[in-house]
C-alpha cells in the first residue's frame, strides 16, 4: 500500500469575490513527483503560495501523514517538513556553499554553535550521495543557476524535507543547464 505524505482537502481561496482555488483536492504519495499544471490565472501560483506558507486559505486543510498542518508562515511549513524553491534563489550570495547549506536553516538554540569540521563532513557525505561536484568553499554568487538550485535542494534534504515544492524553479536555466 502506498504511503500518503501530503493531502490537500477542500482548499478554497478567494481574491475579492473571485474564487481562485475551488475546493481543490490532491494527494501526494511517498517517493512520488506530483506535477500540477494549468493556464495563467488557474490558481497554480495561489496553490504554490499555500504550500509555501505565504498564502492563507479561506477554507480547507493540508494534512501530512494524517496530521493537520499549521499554515501560518514559510518557517512553519519548513518546521513541518515542507520546503520550497522558486526561480528566486534563497542562497546568501556572500556565504559559501557549505555555509548556505548548514548555517541557514530554521533557527533552534540547540543548533546555535556549529562546528565547521562537522558541517564540512555532513555536506561532503551529502554531495557524495547525490554525486555532486560543487566546491564547498565557493561563494554562492560564483555558482551557476543549476548549481544554486542543487545547493538549495541539498539544504532542504539535510534539514528534513518531506516535501519539496518547486514553483517555476527552472525558469532562467540556460540550454546547457537543461542538458
Foldseek 3Di string as FASTA:
>chain_A
DWAWFKWWFQFWDDDVPRILDGGDIDTDTAPDDDDDDDDPSNNPVVVLCQLQLNHDTPDTFMDGRNHTADSHHNLSNLVVQEAEAEQDFPADQQAFLLCRQQVDHNDDPVSPDDDPVVSVVVVVVLCVVVVHDDDRRHGNNPDDLLVSVVSVVSSSVVSRHRHYHYYNRCPPDDPVSVD
